[in-house]
């Protein structure tokens, strides 16, 4: 949630970049402008600013979703600088 707020505060995330797919891609999203996936699926949405984040993932999957988000938003230099330990 802090990660998404940081993206918003630093203007990396806007409505034009959503939805942000999960690490596996497909029609399930990590971040979206509405609390829904491309298909009906189980989710736990939390609102962050004007966006919704599906927080129903294991810690390891959250790390992969964060990395996928950075690639989706074309923030490669930041991806290599972030180190997350589980």
PDB file of N, CA and C in Angstrom:
ATOM      1  N   UNK A   1       0.813  -1.182   0.000  1.00  0.00           N
ATOM      2  CA  UNK A   1       0.000   0.000   0.000  1.00  0.00           C
ATOM      3  C   UNK A   1       0.866   1.259   0.000  1.00  0.00           C
ATOM      4  N   UNK A   2       1.930   1.246   0.798  1.00  0.00           N
ATOM      5  CA  UNK A   2       2.855   2.386   0.795  1.00  0.00           C
ATOM      6  C   UNK A   2       3.531   2.527  -0.561  1.00  0.00           C
ATOM      7  N   UNK A   3       3.819   1.399  -1.189  1.00  0.00           N
ATOM      8  CA  UNK A   3       4.430   1.402  -2.511  1.00  0.00           C
ATOM      9  C   UNK A   3       3.528   2.117  -3.521  1.00  0.00           C
ATOM     10  N   UNK A   4       2.248   1.797  -3.509  1.00  0.00           N
ATOM     11  CA  UNK A   4       1.308   2.408  -4.446  1.00  0.00           C
ATOM     12  C   UNK A   4       1.154   3.898  -4.139  1.00  0.00           C
ATOM     13  N   UNK A   5       1.092   4.261  -2.866  1.00  0.00           N
ATOM     14  CA  UNK A   5       1.009   5.674  -2.506  1.00  0.00           C
ATOM     15  C   UNK A   5       2.243   6.423  -2.994  1.00  0.00           C
ATOM     16  N   UNK A   6       3.405   5.799  -2.878  1.00  0.00           N
ATOM     17  CA  UNK A   6       4.650   6.420  -3.363  1.00  0.00           C
ATOM     18  C   UNK A   6       4.575   6.637  -4.877  1.00  0.00           C
ATOM     19  N   UNK A   7       4.061   5.631  -5.611  1.00  0.00           N
ATOM     20  CA  UNK A   7       3.908   5.775  -7.066  1.00  0.00           C
ATOM     21  C   UNK A   7       2.991   6.943  -7.407  1.00  0.00           C
ATOM     22  N   UNK A   8       1.912   7.075  -6.658  1.00  0.00           N
ATOM     23  CA  UNK A   8       0.964   8.175  -6.889  1.00  0.00           C
ATOM     24  C   UNK A   8       1.623   9.514  -6.570  1.00  0.00           C
ATOM     25  N   UNK A   9       2.256   9.598  -5.402  1.00  0.00           N
ATOM     26  CA  UNK A   9       2.876  10.851  -4.967  1.00  0.00           C
ATOM     27  C   UNK A   9       3.958  11.338  -5.927  1.00  0.00           C
ATOM     28  N   UNK A  10       4.659  10.389  -6.550  1.00  0.00           N
ATOM     29  CA  UNK A  10       5.742  10.740  -7.465  1.00  0.00           C
ATOM     30  C   UNK A  10       5.309  10.734  -8.931  1.00  0.00           C
ATOM     31  N   UNK A  11       4.003  10.671  -9.142  1.00  0.00           N
ATOM     32  CA  UNK A  11       3.379  10.763 -10.468  1.00  0.00           C
ATOM     33  C   UNK A  11       3.815   9.690 -11.456  1.00  0.00           C
ATOM     34  N   UNK A  12       4.178   8.526 -10.921  1.00  0.00           N
ATOM     35  CA  UNK A  12       4.456   7.382 -11.789  1.00  0.00           C
ATOM     36  C   UNK A  12       3.162   6.672 -12.176  1.00  0.00           C
ATOM     37  N   UNK A  13       2.178   6.715 -11.291  1.00  0.00           N
ATOM     38  CA  UNK A  13       0.922   6.002 -11.513  1.00  0.00           C
ATOM     39  C   UNK A  13      -0.207   6.992 -11.758  1.00  0.00           C
ATOM     40  N   UNK A  14      -0.803   6.877 -12.939  1.00  0.00           N
ATOM     41  CA  UNK A  14      -1.986   7.670 -13.289  1.00  0.00           C
ATOM     42  C   UNK A  14      -3.009   6.723 -13.908  1.00  0.00           C
ATOM     43  N   UNK A  15      -4.186   7.220 -14.153  1.00  0.00           N
ATOM     44  CA  UNK A  15      -5.242   6.366 -14.730  1.00  0.00           C
ATOM     45  C   UNK A  15      -4.855   5.777 -16.084  1.00  0.00           C
ATOM     46  N   UNK A  16      -3.977   6.440 -16.818  1.00  0.00           N
ATOM     47  CA  UNK A  16      -3.599   5.917 -18.138  1.00  0.00           C
ATOM     48  C   UNK A  16      -2.742   4.656 -18.039  1.00  0.00           C
ATOM     49  N   UNK A  17      -2.132   4.412 -16.881  1.00  0.00           N
ATOM     50  CA  UNK A  17      -1.292   3.227 -16.703  1.00  0.00           C
ATOM     51  C   UNK A  17      -2.059   2.039 -16.133  1.00  0.00           C
ATOM     52  N   UNK A  18      -3.314   2.220 -15.776  1.00  0.00           N
ATOM     53  CA  UNK A  18      -4.070   1.115 -15.192  1.00  0.00           C
ATOM     54  C   UNK A  18      -4.932   0.443 -16.245  1.00  0.00           C
ATOM     55  N   UNK A  19      -5.218  -0.823 -16.068  1.00  0.00           N
ATOM     56  CA  UNK A  19      -4.853  -1.660 -14.942  1.00  0.00           C
ATOM     57  C   UNK A  19      -3.412  -2.160 -15.039  1.00  0.00           C
ATOM     58  N   UNK A  20      -2.830  -2.448 -13.879  1.00  0.00           N
ATOM     59  CA  UNK A  20      -1.485  -3.032 -13.797  1.00  0.00           C
ATOM     60  C   UNK A  20      -1.672  -4.520 -13.538  1.00  0.00           C
ATOM     61  N   UNK A  21      -1.221  -5.385 -14.458  1.00  0.00           N
ATOM     62  CA  UNK A  21      -1.438  -6.819 -14.279  1.00  0.00           C
ATOM     63  C   UNK A  21      -0.596  -7.397 -13.136  1.00  0.00           C
ATOM     64  N   UNK A  22      -1.032  -8.547 -12.626  1.00  0.00           N
ATOM     65  CA  UNK A  22      -0.239  -9.250 -11.623  1.00  0.00           C
ATOM     66  C   UNK A  22       0.974  -9.859 -12.296  1.00  0.00           C
ATOM     67  N   UNK A  23       1.841 -10.471 -11.511  1.00  0.00           N
ATOM     68  CA  UNK A  23       3.108 -11.014 -12.018  1.00  0.00           C
ATOM     69  C   UNK A  23       2.918 -12.011 -13.148  1.00  0.00           C
ATOM     70  N   UNK A  24       1.841 -12.783 -13.122  1.00  0.00           N
ATOM     71  CA  UNK A  24       1.601 -13.787 -14.162  1.00  0.00           C
ATOM     72  C   UNK A  24       0.909 -13.217 -15.387  1.00  0.00           C
ATOM     73  N   UNK A  25       0.472 -11.975 -15.316  1.00  0.00           N
ATOM     74  CA  UNK A  25      -0.247 -11.377 -16.439  1.00  0.00           C
ATOM     75  C   UNK A  25      -1.684 -11.848 -16.482  1.00  0.00           C
ATOM     76  N   UNK A  26      -2.244 -11.918 -17.641  1.00  0.00           N
ATOM     77  CA  UNK A  26      -3.632 -12.350 -17.781  1.00  0.00           C
ATOM     78  C   UNK A  26      -4.606 -11.239 -17.452  1.00  0.00           C
ATOM     79  N   UNK A  27      -5.795 -11.631 -17.009  1.00  0.00           N
ATOM     80  CA  UNK A  27      -6.842 -10.649 -16.756  1.00  0.00           C
ATOM     81  C   UNK A  27      -7.035 -10.377 -15.262  1.00  0.00           C
ATOM     82  N   UNK A  28      -6.048 -10.716 -14.451  1.00  0.00           N
ATOM     83  CA  UNK A  28      -6.095 -10.388 -13.030  1.00  0.00           C
ATOM     84  C   UNK A  28      -5.122  -9.251 -12.787  1.00  0.00           C
ATOM     85  N   UNK A  29      -5.545  -8.269 -11.988  1.00  0.00           N
ATOM     86  CA  UNK A  29      -4.763  -7.050 -11.833  1.00  0.00           C
ATOM     87  C   UNK A  29      -4.289  -6.848 -10.401  1.00  0.00           C
ATOM     88  N   UNK A  30      -3.115  -6.244 -10.265  1.00  0.00           N
ATOM     89  CA  UNK A  30      -2.569  -5.858  -8.973  1.00  0.00           C
ATOM     90  C   UNK A  30      -3.114  -4.486  -8.579  1.00  0.00           C
ATOM     91  N   UNK A  31      -3.121  -3.549  -9.544  1.00  0.00           N
ATOM     92  CA  UNK A  31      -3.628  -2.193  -9.332  1.00  0.00           C
ATOM     93  C   UNK A  31      -4.611  -1.883 -10.458  1.00  0.00           C
ATOM     94  N   UNK A  32      -5.737  -1.283 -10.085  1.00  0.00           N
ATOM     95  CA  UNK A  32      -6.728  -0.920 -11.091  1.00  0.00           C
ATOM     96  C   UNK A  32      -7.426   0.365 -10.665  1.00  0.00           C
ATOM     97  N   UNK A  33      -8.074   1.016 -11.605  1.00  0.00           N
ATOM     98  CA  UNK A  33      -8.823   2.236 -11.294  1.00  0.00           C
ATOM     99  C   UNK A  33     -10.203   1.922 -10.735  1.00  0.00           C
ATOM    100  N   UNK A  34     -10.593   0.647 -10.776  1.00  0.00           N
ATOM    101  CA  UNK A  34     -11.851   0.189 -10.176  1.00  0.00           C
ATOM    102  C   UNK A  34     -11.593  -1.155  -9.490  1.00  0.00           C
ATOM    103  N   UNK A  35     -12.394  -1.484  -8.526  1.00  0.00           N
ATOM    104  CA  UNK A  35     -12.185  -2.692  -7.733  1.00  0.00           C
ATOM    105  C   UNK A  35     -12.707  -3.924  -8.466  1.00  0.00           C
ATOM    106  N   UNK A  36     -12.027  -4.255  -9.568  1.00  0.00           N
ATOM    107  CA  UNK A  36     -12.422  -5.437 -10.323  1.00  0.00           C
ATOM    108  C   UNK A  36     -11.290  -5.924 -11.209  1.00  0.00           C
ATOM    109  N   UNK A  37     -11.348  -7.228 -11.483  1.00  0.00           N
ATOM    110  CA  UNK A  37     -10.423  -7.863 -12.409  1.00  0.00           C
ATOM    111  C   UNK A  37     -11.090  -7.944 -13.774  1.00  0.00           C
ATOM    112  N   UNK A  38     -10.342  -8.396 -14.769  1.00  0.00           N
ATOM    113  CA  UNK A  38     -10.902  -8.576 -16.102  1.00  0.00           C
ATOM    114  C   UNK A  38     -11.966  -9.655 -16.127  1.00  0.00           C
ATOM    115  N   UNK A  39     -11.814 -10.654 -15.282  1.00  0.00           N
ATOM    116  CA  UNK A  39     -12.801 -11.712 -15.118  1.00  0.00           C
ATOM    117  C   UNK A  39     -13.200 -11.725 -13.650  1.00  0.00           C
ATOM    118  N   UNK A  40     -14.339 -12.308 -13.358  1.00  0.00           N
ATOM    119  CA  UNK A  40     -14.761 -12.394 -11.959  1.00  0.00           C
ATOM    120  C   UNK A  40     -13.810 -13.337 -11.230  1.00  0.00           C
ATOM    121  N   UNK A  41     -13.152 -12.829 -10.204  1.00  0.00           N
ATOM    122  CA  UNK A  41     -12.202 -13.615  -9.416  1.00  0.00           C
ATOM    123  C   UNK A  41     -12.251 -13.156  -7.973  1.00  0.00           C
ATOM    124  N   UNK A  42     -11.764 -14.025  -7.122  1.00  0.00           N
ATOM    125  CA  UNK A  42     -11.666 -13.701  -5.709  1.00  0.00           C
ATOM    126  C   UNK A  42     -10.594 -12.631  -5.513  1.00  0.00           C
ATOM    127  N   UNK A  43     -10.913 -11.600  -4.771  1.00  0.00           N
ATOM    128  CA  UNK A  43      -9.964 -10.513  -4.542  1.00  0.00           C
ATOM    129  C   UNK A  43     -10.265  -9.839  -3.215  1.00  0.00           C
ATOM    130  N   UNK A  44      -9.290  -9.113  -2.725  1.00  0.00           N
ATOM    131  CA  UNK A  44      -9.460  -8.275  -1.536  1.00  0.00           C
ATOM    132  C   UNK A  44      -8.899  -6.904  -1.887  1.00  0.00           C
ATOM    133  N   UNK A  45      -9.768  -5.992  -2.288  1.00  0.00           N
ATOM    134  CA  UNK A  45      -9.368  -4.680  -2.771  1.00  0.00           C
ATOM    135  C   UNK A  45      -9.235  -3.683  -1.633  1.00  0.00           C
ATOM    136  N   UNK A  46      -8.165  -2.915  -1.661  1.00  0.00           N
ATOM    137  CA  UNK A  46      -7.941  -1.803  -0.727  1.00  0.00           C
ATOM    138  C   UNK A  46      -7.786  -0.539  -1.567  1.00  0.00           C
ATOM    139  N   UNK A  47      -8.418   0.538  -1.142  1.00  0.00           N
ATOM    140  CA  UNK A  47      -8.349   1.808  -1.873  1.00  0.00           C
ATOM    141  C   UNK A  47      -7.110   2.585  -1.435  1.00  0.00           C
ATOM    142  N   UNK A  48      -6.346   3.048  -2.424  1.00  0.00           N
ATOM    143  CA  UNK A  48      -5.183   3.905  -2.195  1.00  0.00           C
ATOM    144  C   UNK A  48      -5.333   5.082  -3.149  1.00  0.00           C
ATOM    145  N   UNK A  49      -5.620   6.246  -2.611  1.00  0.00           N
ATOM    146  CA  UNK A  49      -5.883   7.402  -3.467  1.00  0.00           C
ATOM    147  C   UNK A  49      -7.064   7.112  -4.362  1.00  0.00           C
ATOM    148  N   UNK A  50      -6.893   7.300  -5.666  1.00  0.00           N
ATOM    149  CA  UNK A  50      -7.950   7.031  -6.636  1.00  0.00           C
ATOM    150  C   UNK A  50      -7.898   5.612  -7.185  1.00  0.00           C
ATOM    151  N   UNK A  51      -7.024   4.768  -6.637  1.00  0.00           N
ATOM    152  CA  UNK A  51      -6.795   3.432  -7.178  1.00  0.00           C
ATOM    153  C   UNK A  51      -7.193   2.350  -6.185  1.00  0.00           C
ATOM    154  N   UNK A  52      -7.286   1.133  -6.713  1.00  0.00           N
ATOM    155  CA  UNK A  52      -7.587  -0.032  -5.895  1.00  0.00           C
ATOM    156  C   UNK A  52      -6.463  -1.044  -6.080  1.00  0.00           C
ATOM    157  N   UNK A  53      -6.027  -1.640  -4.969  1.00  0.00           N
ATOM    158  CA  UNK A  53      -4.945  -2.615  -4.972  1.00  0.00           C
ATOM    159  C   UNK A  53      -5.504  -3.933  -4.451  1.00  0.00           C
ATOM    160  N   UNK A  54      -5.268  -5.006  -5.208  1.00  0.00           N
ATOM    161  CA  UNK A  54      -5.675  -6.325  -4.738  1.00  0.00           C
ATOM    162  C   UNK A  54      -4.584  -6.824  -3.799  1.00  0.00           C
ATOM    163  N   UNK A  55      -4.900  -6.923  -2.524  1.00  0.00           N
ATOM    164  CA  UNK A  55      -3.903  -7.284  -1.511  1.00  0.00           C
ATOM    165  C   UNK A  55      -3.981  -8.755  -1.117  1.00  0.00           C
ATOM    166  N   UNK A  56      -4.733  -9.540  -1.850  1.00  0.00           N
ATOM    167  CA  UNK A  56      -4.912 -10.948  -1.495  1.00  0.00           C
ATOM    168  C   UNK A  56      -3.830 -11.815  -2.145  1.00  0.00           C
ATOM    169  N   UNK A  57      -2.600 -11.605  -1.703  1.00  0.00           N
ATOM    170  CA  UNK A  57      -1.466 -12.377  -2.213  1.00  0.00           C
ATOM    171  C   UNK A  57      -0.546 -12.721  -1.060  1.00  0.00           C
ATOM    172  N   UNK A  58       0.229 -13.774  -1.246  1.00  0.00           N
ATOM    173  CA  UNK A  58       1.274 -14.123  -0.286  1.00  0.00           C
ATOM    174  C   UNK A  58       2.398 -13.099  -0.417  1.00  0.00           C
ATOM    175  N   UNK A  59       3.229 -13.001   0.606  1.00  0.00           N
ATOM    176  CA  UNK A  59       4.321 -12.008   0.616  1.00  0.00           C
ATOM    177  C   UNK A  59       5.216 -12.145  -0.609  1.00  0.00           C
ATOM    178  N   UNK A  60       5.573 -13.365  -0.980  1.00  0.00           N
ATOM    179  CA  UNK A  60       6.437 -13.574  -2.152  1.00  0.00           C
ATOM    180  C   UNK A  60       5.773 -13.056  -3.426  1.00  0.00           C
ATOM    181  N   UNK A  61       4.480 -13.267  -3.543  1.00  0.00           N
ATOM    182  CA  UNK A  61       3.753 -12.783  -4.723  1.00  0.00           C
ATOM    183  C   UNK A  61       3.679 -11.264  -4.746  1.00  0.00           C
ATOM    184  N   UNK A  62       3.564 -10.641  -3.575  1.00  0.00           N
ATOM    185  CA  UNK A  62       3.572  -9.174  -3.517  1.00  0.00           C
ATOM    186  C   UNK A  62       4.893  -8.625  -4.045  1.00  0.00           C
ATOM    187  N   UNK A  63       5.992  -9.264  -3.691  1.00  0.00           N
ATOM    188  CA  UNK A  63       7.306  -8.830  -4.194  1.00  0.00           C
ATOM    189  C   UNK A  63       7.321  -8.911  -5.719  1.00  0.00           C
ATOM    190  N   UNK A  64       6.837 -10.017  -6.266  1.00  0.00           N
ATOM    191  CA  UNK A  64       6.803 -10.176  -7.724  1.00  0.00           C
ATOM    192  C   UNK A  64       5.846  -9.167  -8.371  1.00  0.00           C
ATOM    193  N   UNK A  65       4.725  -8.881  -7.717  1.00  0.00           N
ATOM    194  CA  UNK A  65       3.786  -7.881  -8.253  1.00  0.00           C
ATOM    195  C   UNK A  65       4.394  -6.485  -8.240  1.00  0.00           C
ATOM    196  N   UNK A  66       5.176  -6.171  -7.219  1.00  0.00           N
ATOM    197  CA  UNK A  66       5.868  -4.879  -7.171  1.00  0.00           C
ATOM    198  C   UNK A  66       6.859  -4.775  -8.319  1.00  0.00           C
ATOM    199  N   UNK A  67       7.624  -5.823  -8.537  1.00  0.00           N
ATOM    200  CA  UNK A  67       8.593  -5.821  -9.657  1.00  0.00           C
ATOM    201  C   UNK A  67       7.879  -5.695 -10.999  1.00  0.00           C
ATOM    202  N   UNK A  68       6.781  -6.430 -11.161  1.00  0.00           N
ATOM    203  CA  UNK A  68       5.992  -6.357 -12.401  1.00  0.00           C
ATOM    204  C   UNK A  68       5.450  -4.931 -12.603  1.00  0.00           C
ATOM    205  N   UNK A  69       5.006  -4.303 -11.515  1.00  0.00           N
ATOM    206  CA  UNK A  69       4.498  -2.932 -11.589  1.00  0.00           C
ATOM    207  C   UNK A  69       5.581  -1.977 -12.051  1.00  0.00           C
ATOM    208  N   UNK A  70       6.780  -2.120 -11.526  1.00  0.00           N
ATOM    209  CA  UNK A  70       7.891  -1.258 -11.935  1.00  0.00           C
ATOM    210  C   UNK A  70       8.190  -1.423 -13.421  1.00  0.00           C
ATOM    211  N   UNK A  71       8.164  -2.662 -13.906  1.00  0.00           N
ATOM    212  CA  UNK A  71       8.382  -2.893 -15.348  1.00  0.00           C
ATOM    213  C   UNK A  71       7.227  -2.300 -16.161  1.00  0.00           C
ATOM    214  N   UNK A  72       6.001  -2.507 -15.682  1.00  0.00           N
ATOM    215  CA  UNK A  72       4.817  -1.986 -16.381  1.00  0.00           C
ATOM    216  C   UNK A  72       4.882  -0.464 -16.514  1.00  0.00           C
ATOM    217  N   UNK A  73       5.395   0.194 -15.484  1.00  0.00           N
ATOM    218  CA  UNK A  73       5.495   1.654 -15.487  1.00  0.00           C
ATOM    219  C   UNK A  73       6.821   2.151 -16.049  1.00  0.00           C
ATOM    220  N   UNK A  74       7.634   1.206 -16.547  1.00  0.00           N
ATOM    221  CA  UNK A  74       8.924   1.528 -17.166  1.00  0.00           C
ATOM    222  C   UNK A  74       9.855   2.256 -16.186  1.00  0.00           C
ATOM    223  N   UNK A  75       9.990   1.702 -14.989  1.00  0.00           N
ATOM    224  CA  UNK A  75      10.869   2.275 -13.964  1.00  0.00           C
ATOM    225  C   UNK A  75      11.976   1.261 -13.683  1.00  0.00           C
ATOM    226  N   UNK A  76      12.752   0.887 -14.688  1.00  0.00           N
ATOM    227  CA  UNK A  76      13.767  -0.150 -14.537  1.00  0.00           C
ATOM    228  C   UNK A  76      14.906   0.243 -13.613  1.00  0.00           C
ATOM    229  N   UNK A  77      15.328   1.494 -13.623  1.00  0.00           N
ATOM    230  CA  UNK A  77      16.435   1.905 -12.773  1.00  0.00           C
ATOM    231  C   UNK A  77      16.075   1.755 -11.304  1.00  0.00           C
ATOM    232  N   UNK A  78      14.824   1.996 -10.931  1.00  0.00           N
ATOM    233  CA  UNK A  78      14.392   1.852  -9.556  1.00  0.00           C
ATOM    234  C   UNK A  78      14.265   0.381  -9.185  1.00  0.00           C
ATOM    235  N   UNK A  79      13.841  -0.451 -10.112  1.00  0.00           N
ATOM    236  CA  UNK A  79      13.684  -1.880  -9.824  1.00  0.00           C
ATOM    237  C   UNK A  79      14.991  -2.488  -9.358  1.00  0.00           C
ATOM    238  N   UNK A  80      16.080  -2.170 -10.002  1.00  0.00           N
ATOM    239  CA  UNK A  80      17.364  -2.747  -9.612  1.00  0.00           C
ATOM    240  C   UNK A  80      17.859  -2.183  -8.290  1.00  0.00           C
ATOM    241  N   UNK A  81      17.366  -1.040  -7.866  1.00  0.00           N
ATOM    242  CA  UNK A  81      17.798  -0.435  -6.610  1.00  0.00           C
ATOM    243  C   UNK A  81      17.025  -0.947  -5.400  1.00  0.00           C
ATOM    244  N   UNK A  82      15.857  -1.534  -5.634  1.00  0.00           N
ATOM    245  CA  UNK A  82      15.022  -1.994  -4.536  1.00  0.00           C
ATOM    246  C   UNK A  82      15.404  -3.417  -4.170  1.00  0.00           C
ATOM    247  N   UNK A  83      15.644  -3.636  -2.893  1.00  0.00           N
ATOM    248  CA  UNK A  83      15.933  -4.980  -2.408  1.00  0.00           C
ATOM    249  C   UNK A  83      14.923  -5.287  -1.313  1.00  0.00           C
ATOM    250  N   UNK A  84      14.206  -6.390  -1.484  1.00  0.00           N
ATOM    251  CA  UNK A  84      13.192  -6.779  -0.519  1.00  0.00           C
ATOM    252  C   UNK A  84      13.526  -8.168  -0.005  1.00  0.00           C
ATOM    253  N   UNK A  85      13.567  -8.325   1.295  1.00  0.00           N
ATOM    254  CA  UNK A  85      13.793  -9.636   1.886  1.00  0.00           C
ATOM    255  C   UNK A  85      12.526 -10.134   2.529  1.00  0.00           C
ATOM    256  N   UNK A  86      12.270 -11.414   2.339  1.00  0.00           N
ATOM    257  CA  UNK A  86      11.076 -12.023   2.932  1.00  0.00           C
ATOM    258  C   UNK A  86      11.511 -12.909   4.075  1.00  0.00           C
TER     259      UNK A  86
END
